[in-house]
């Protein structure tokens, strides 16, 4: 069965570094990271906190976005996370009206 959800995510590792990745099954991918099998970078850096998730209909779009995010500085990634949080908060507030 093909999963049509393509996800770009940012994790905060236990050493306070950030990891950006792509998956089509976030739950499984996070379990792999926790087991030390997700990516060489994350091995031994758990537990992890998911700070950012963006979903795309096409794999190519998700991979392009992952590349864009990986080009950002640490400060730029935190700004992206803050902007996404503001977007979510605004959406939640507008639903209450």
N, C-alpha and C. Protein backbone atom coordinates (compact mmCIF):
# COMPACT_ATOMS: atom_id res chain seq x y z
N UNK A 1 0.84 -1.18 0.00
CA UNK A 1 0.00 0.00 0.00
C UNK A 1 0.89 1.25 0.00
N UNK A 2 0.64 2.14 -0.91
CA UNK A 2 1.44 3.36 -0.99
C UNK A 2 0.83 4.45 -0.13
N UNK A 3 1.68 5.10 0.63
CA UNK A 3 1.23 6.19 1.49
C UNK A 3 1.36 7.49 0.70
N UNK A 4 0.25 8.22 0.57
CA UNK A 4 0.27 9.46 -0.22
C UNK A 4 0.57 10.69 0.60
N UNK A 5 1.06 10.49 1.82
CA UNK A 5 1.40 11.61 2.67
C UNK A 5 2.92 11.73 2.74
N UNK A 6 3.43 12.86 2.31
CA UNK A 6 4.88 13.08 2.31
C UNK A 6 5.17 14.18 3.32
N UNK A 7 6.02 13.87 4.28
CA UNK A 7 6.19 14.73 5.44
C UNK A 7 7.64 15.18 5.61
N UNK A 8 7.81 16.47 5.86
CA UNK A 8 9.11 17.03 6.23
C UNK A 8 8.97 17.41 7.70
N UNK A 9 9.98 17.07 8.49
CA UNK A 9 9.89 17.31 9.93
C UNK A 9 11.22 17.81 10.48
N UNK A 10 11.12 18.50 11.62
CA UNK A 10 12.32 18.93 12.35
C UNK A 10 12.22 18.36 13.76
N UNK A 11 13.28 17.70 14.18
CA UNK A 11 13.37 17.17 15.54
C UNK A 11 14.37 17.99 16.33
N UNK A 12 14.09 18.12 17.63
CA UNK A 12 15.10 18.64 18.55
C UNK A 12 15.65 17.41 19.26
N UNK A 13 16.95 17.23 19.18
CA UNK A 13 17.61 16.10 19.82
C UNK A 13 17.89 16.45 21.28
N UNK A 14 18.23 15.44 22.07
CA UNK A 14 18.49 15.66 23.50
C UNK A 14 19.68 16.58 23.75
N UNK A 15 20.60 16.68 22.78
CA UNK A 15 21.74 17.60 22.93
C UNK A 15 21.42 18.99 22.40
N UNK A 16 20.12 19.22 22.14
CA UNK A 16 19.60 20.52 21.69
C UNK A 16 19.96 20.86 20.25
N UNK A 17 20.44 19.89 19.48
CA UNK A 17 20.66 20.13 18.05
C UNK A 17 19.35 19.84 17.31
N UNK A 18 19.29 20.29 16.06
CA UNK A 18 18.10 20.09 15.24
C UNK A 18 18.42 19.12 14.11
N UNK A 19 17.44 18.28 13.77
CA UNK A 19 17.57 17.35 12.65
C UNK A 19 16.35 17.53 11.76
N UNK A 20 16.58 17.70 10.48
CA UNK A 20 15.49 17.84 9.50
C UNK A 20 15.46 16.59 8.64
N UNK A 21 14.27 16.04 8.44
CA UNK A 21 14.17 14.82 7.65
C UNK A 21 12.88 14.75 6.85
N UNK A 22 12.81 13.71 6.01
CA UNK A 22 11.64 13.43 5.17
C UNK A 22 11.16 12.01 5.47
N UNK A 23 9.86 11.81 5.43
CA UNK A 23 9.30 10.46 5.56
C UNK A 23 7.90 10.43 4.96
N UNK A 24 7.39 9.23 4.76
CA UNK A 24 5.97 9.11 4.40
C UNK A 24 5.23 8.38 5.51
N UNK A 25 5.91 8.15 6.64
CA UNK A 25 5.30 7.52 7.81
C UNK A 25 6.03 8.04 9.05
N UNK A 26 5.53 9.15 9.58
CA UNK A 26 6.24 9.84 10.67
C UNK A 26 6.35 8.99 11.93
N UNK A 27 5.28 8.30 12.29
CA UNK A 27 5.30 7.47 13.50
C UNK A 27 6.40 6.41 13.41
N UNK A 28 6.47 5.73 12.28
CA UNK A 28 7.48 4.68 12.08
C UNK A 28 8.89 5.29 12.08
N UNK A 29 9.03 6.43 11.42
CA UNK A 29 10.33 7.08 11.33
C UNK A 29 10.83 7.51 12.71
N UNK A 30 9.92 8.05 13.53
CA UNK A 30 10.31 8.45 14.88
C UNK A 30 10.74 7.24 15.70
N UNK A 31 10.03 6.13 15.54
CA UNK A 31 10.40 4.90 16.25
C UNK A 31 11.80 4.46 15.81
N UNK A 32 12.11 4.59 14.52
CA UNK A 32 13.43 4.23 14.01
C UNK A 32 14.50 5.14 14.63
N UNK A 33 14.22 6.44 14.71
CA UNK A 33 15.16 7.37 15.33
C UNK A 33 15.42 6.96 16.79
N UNK A 34 14.34 6.65 17.51
CA UNK A 34 14.47 6.28 18.92
C UNK A 34 15.30 5.01 19.09
N UNK A 35 15.20 4.10 18.12
CA UNK A 35 15.96 2.84 18.17
C UNK A 35 17.40 3.02 17.70
N UNK A 36 17.73 4.22 17.25
CA UNK A 36 19.09 4.49 16.76
C UNK A 36 19.29 4.04 15.33
N UNK A 37 18.19 3.79 14.61
CA UNK A 37 18.27 3.31 13.22
C UNK A 37 17.73 4.31 12.21
N UNK A 38 17.29 5.48 12.68
CA UNK A 38 16.65 6.45 11.81
C UNK A 38 17.60 7.17 10.87
N UNK A 39 18.71 7.62 11.40
CA UNK A 39 19.70 8.35 10.62
C UNK A 39 21.00 8.34 11.41
N UNK A 40 22.10 8.37 10.71
CA UNK A 40 23.40 8.36 11.39
C UNK A 40 23.49 9.54 12.37
N UNK A 41 23.00 10.71 11.95
CA UNK A 41 23.11 11.91 12.78
C UNK A 41 22.38 11.75 14.11
N UNK A 42 21.21 11.13 14.10
CA UNK A 42 20.39 11.08 15.32
C UNK A 42 20.78 9.94 16.26
N UNK A 43 21.64 9.05 15.81
CA UNK A 43 22.02 7.91 16.64
C UNK A 43 22.64 8.39 17.96
N UNK A 44 22.05 7.96 19.07
CA UNK A 44 22.55 8.34 20.38
C UNK A 44 22.17 9.73 20.83
N UNK A 45 21.31 10.43 20.06
CA UNK A 45 20.93 11.80 20.43
C UNK A 45 19.50 11.89 20.95
N UNK A 46 18.83 10.76 21.16
CA UNK A 46 17.45 10.75 21.65
C UNK A 46 17.42 11.00 23.14
N UNK A 47 16.26 11.23 23.72
CA UNK A 47 14.95 11.27 23.06
C UNK A 47 14.78 12.54 22.22
N UNK A 48 13.77 12.50 21.37
CA UNK A 48 13.55 13.57 20.41
C UNK A 48 12.22 14.26 20.67
N UNK A 49 12.17 15.51 20.26
CA UNK A 49 10.93 16.27 20.33
C UNK A 49 10.64 16.77 18.91
N UNK A 50 9.44 16.50 18.42
CA UNK A 50 9.05 16.97 17.09
C UNK A 50 8.65 18.44 17.22
N UNK A 51 9.38 19.31 16.51
CA UNK A 51 9.10 20.75 16.59
C UNK A 51 8.33 21.28 15.38
N UNK A 52 8.40 20.55 14.27
CA UNK A 52 7.85 21.08 13.02
C UNK A 52 7.44 19.92 12.12
N UNK A 53 6.26 20.04 11.52
CA UNK A 53 5.78 19.03 10.57
C UNK A 53 5.08 19.77 9.43
N UNK A 54 5.43 19.41 8.21
CA UNK A 54 4.76 19.96 7.03
C UNK A 54 4.45 18.80 6.10
N UNK A 55 3.21 18.77 5.58
CA UNK A 55 2.79 17.67 4.72
C UNK A 55 2.61 18.13 3.28
N UNK A 56 2.93 17.24 2.35
CA UNK A 56 2.85 17.54 0.92
C UNK A 56 2.19 16.39 0.18
N UNK A 57 1.46 16.71 -0.91
CA UNK A 57 0.83 15.64 -1.69
C UNK A 57 1.84 14.88 -2.57
N UNK A 58 2.94 15.53 -2.93
CA UNK A 58 3.93 14.92 -3.83
C UNK A 58 5.27 14.78 -3.13
N UNK A 59 5.92 13.64 -3.36
CA UNK A 59 7.23 13.39 -2.76
C UNK A 59 8.24 14.44 -3.20
N UNK A 60 8.21 14.81 -4.47
CA UNK A 60 9.19 15.78 -4.99
C UNK A 60 9.08 17.12 -4.27
N UNK A 61 7.85 17.55 -3.96
CA UNK A 61 7.65 18.81 -3.24
C UNK A 61 8.26 18.71 -1.84
N UNK A 62 8.03 17.59 -1.18
CA UNK A 62 8.53 17.39 0.18
C UNK A 62 10.06 17.38 0.19
N UNK A 63 10.66 16.71 -0.78
CA UNK A 63 12.12 16.64 -0.83
C UNK A 63 12.73 18.00 -1.12
N UNK A 64 12.05 18.80 -1.96
CA UNK A 64 12.53 20.16 -2.23
C UNK A 64 12.46 21.01 -0.96
N UNK A 65 11.36 20.85 -0.22
CA UNK A 65 11.19 21.61 1.02
C UNK A 65 12.23 21.18 2.06
N UNK A 66 12.48 19.88 2.15
CA UNK A 66 13.51 19.39 3.07
C UNK A 66 14.86 20.04 2.75
N UNK A 67 15.18 20.09 1.46
CA UNK A 67 16.44 20.71 1.04
C UNK A 67 16.48 22.18 1.44
N UNK A 68 15.38 22.90 1.19
CA UNK A 68 15.31 24.33 1.55
C UNK A 68 15.56 24.52 3.05
N UNK A 69 14.90 23.71 3.86
CA UNK A 69 15.03 23.84 5.31
C UNK A 69 16.46 23.53 5.75
N UNK A 70 17.06 22.52 5.14
CA UNK A 70 18.43 22.14 5.51
C UNK A 70 19.43 23.25 5.17
N UNK A 71 19.08 24.15 4.26
CA UNK A 71 19.97 25.26 3.92
C UNK A 71 19.89 26.39 4.93
N UNK A 72 18.84 26.39 5.76
CA UNK A 72 18.66 27.45 6.75
C UNK A 72 19.67 27.31 7.88
N UNK A 73 19.98 28.43 8.50
CA UNK A 73 20.79 28.40 9.72
C UNK A 73 19.91 27.87 10.85
N UNK A 74 20.53 27.59 11.98
CA UNK A 74 19.76 27.16 13.16
C UNK A 74 18.73 28.23 13.52
N UNK A 75 19.16 29.49 13.48
CA UNK A 75 18.26 30.60 13.78
C UNK A 75 17.09 30.62 12.79
N UNK A 76 17.39 30.40 11.52
CA UNK A 76 16.37 30.37 10.48
C UNK A 76 15.36 29.25 10.71
N UNK A 77 15.85 28.10 11.16
CA UNK A 77 14.94 26.97 11.44
C UNK A 77 14.03 27.30 12.61
N UNK A 78 14.57 27.93 13.66
CA UNK A 78 13.72 28.30 14.79
C UNK A 78 12.70 29.36 14.38
N UNK A 79 13.08 30.26 13.46
CA UNK A 79 12.13 31.26 12.96
C UNK A 79 11.00 30.57 12.20
N UNK A 80 11.35 29.58 11.39
CA UNK A 80 10.36 28.80 10.64
C UNK A 80 9.39 28.11 11.61
N UNK A 81 9.93 27.52 12.66
CA UNK A 81 9.11 26.85 13.68
C UNK A 81 8.17 27.85 14.35
N UNK A 82 8.71 29.02 14.72
CA UNK A 82 7.88 30.06 15.35
C UNK A 82 6.77 30.53 14.41
N UNK A 83 7.11 30.74 13.14
CA UNK A 83 6.12 31.19 12.16
C UNK A 83 5.00 30.17 12.01
N UNK A 84 5.36 28.89 11.97
CA UNK A 84 4.36 27.82 11.83
C UNK A 84 3.47 27.78 13.08
N UNK A 85 4.07 27.98 14.25
CA UNK A 85 3.31 27.99 15.50
C UNK A 85 2.32 29.15 15.51
N UNK A 86 2.76 30.32 15.05
CA UNK A 86 1.86 31.49 14.99
C UNK A 86 0.69 31.19 14.05
N UNK A 87 0.98 30.53 12.93
CA UNK A 87 -0.04 30.16 11.95
C UNK A 87 -1.08 29.24 12.61
N UNK A 88 -0.62 28.27 13.36
CA UNK A 88 -1.51 27.33 14.03
C UNK A 88 -2.34 28.05 15.08
N UNK A 89 -1.69 28.92 15.87
CA UNK A 89 -2.39 29.65 16.92
C UNK A 89 -3.46 30.56 16.30
N UNK A 90 -3.13 31.22 15.20
CA UNK A 90 -4.08 32.10 14.52
C UNK A 90 -5.27 31.28 14.03
N UNK A 91 -5.01 30.12 13.47
CA UNK A 91 -6.06 29.24 12.97
C UNK A 91 -6.98 28.81 14.11
N UNK A 92 -6.39 28.41 15.24
CA UNK A 92 -7.18 27.99 16.40
C UNK A 92 -8.04 29.13 16.93
N UNK A 93 -7.48 30.35 16.98
CA UNK A 93 -8.22 31.51 17.44
C UNK A 93 -9.39 31.82 16.51
N UNK A 94 -9.17 31.70 15.20
CA UNK A 94 -10.22 32.02 14.22
C UNK A 94 -11.36 31.00 14.29
N UNK A 95 -11.07 29.77 14.72
CA UNK A 95 -12.12 28.75 14.85
C UNK A 95 -13.05 29.06 16.01
N UNK A 96 -12.57 29.81 17.01
CA UNK A 96 -13.36 30.13 18.18
C UNK A 96 -14.39 31.22 17.91
N UNK A 97 -14.19 31.99 16.83
CA UNK A 97 -15.09 33.11 16.53
C UNK A 97 -16.44 32.64 16.05
